[in-house]
Amino acid sequence: MKGRDRVNKKILSIIILAIVLIGGLYYFAMVKGGETTEELEPENNVSQETNNETGEENIVEDSVLDIAIGEEAPNFTLRNLEGEEVSLTDYRGKVVLINFWATWCKYCDIEMPDLQKLDKENEDLVVLAVDVMEEKSLVEGYIEKGGYDFQVVLDEDGDIAKLYLVSAFPTSYFVDKDGILLGGVPGMMTYAQMNQIVEGIRGN
């Protein structure tokens, strides 16, 4: 039974990627006509040295064994804006959308209101927004100004982003109620795309 469940999870991950690919192509053609991610470039508070150390090639080489679709998502513990420790495993029993972002990322900025809407409208889902390598005060100001109240945690050293193979912002991952990693989405999503994925997870 466990093996069958694992196969179902893998099938779902393929469906998720297909949805994102189709939606992404539509978005490129009809809305932006361009990219929906921003590379991890140094801007004000991200140093060039840090950027070099977290290049995509190094990320994949160091972390490829730590993360796998259809397996348990790597747990992590980070502090939120209130200084409290928050772990991924705290949300067992709920679907988790892990969103890696930064305040300087324009596509993250566009995506944020849709993340807020998704978080508010779904009691069985949690948006866990992981800010990568920025000052707490900067993140606090951004979140307060936007009126967002989903869970925000600080990946101050970028270690969790590296573990999750993040090479551009935004990048999102979906984790099911049992803590199984279902798939990742490199790039900005619309509310419709997010909701379609969540409905697919519920139907599995």
Foldseek 3Di string as FASTA:
>chain_A
DLVVVLVVLQVLLVVLVVLLVVQVVCCCVPPPVDFFWAFPDDDDQQDPVLLVCLALVNLCVVAVVPDDASAFGDKDWFAFLVRDIDIPVVLQQAKEKEKEAEPVIPSCVVQVVLQQVVCVVDPRYAYEYEYEQDDSVVVVVSCVVVVGDGTYGYNNSCPVVSNVSPGIPTKIWIAHNRRGTRYIDRGHDGSVSVVVSVVSRVVD
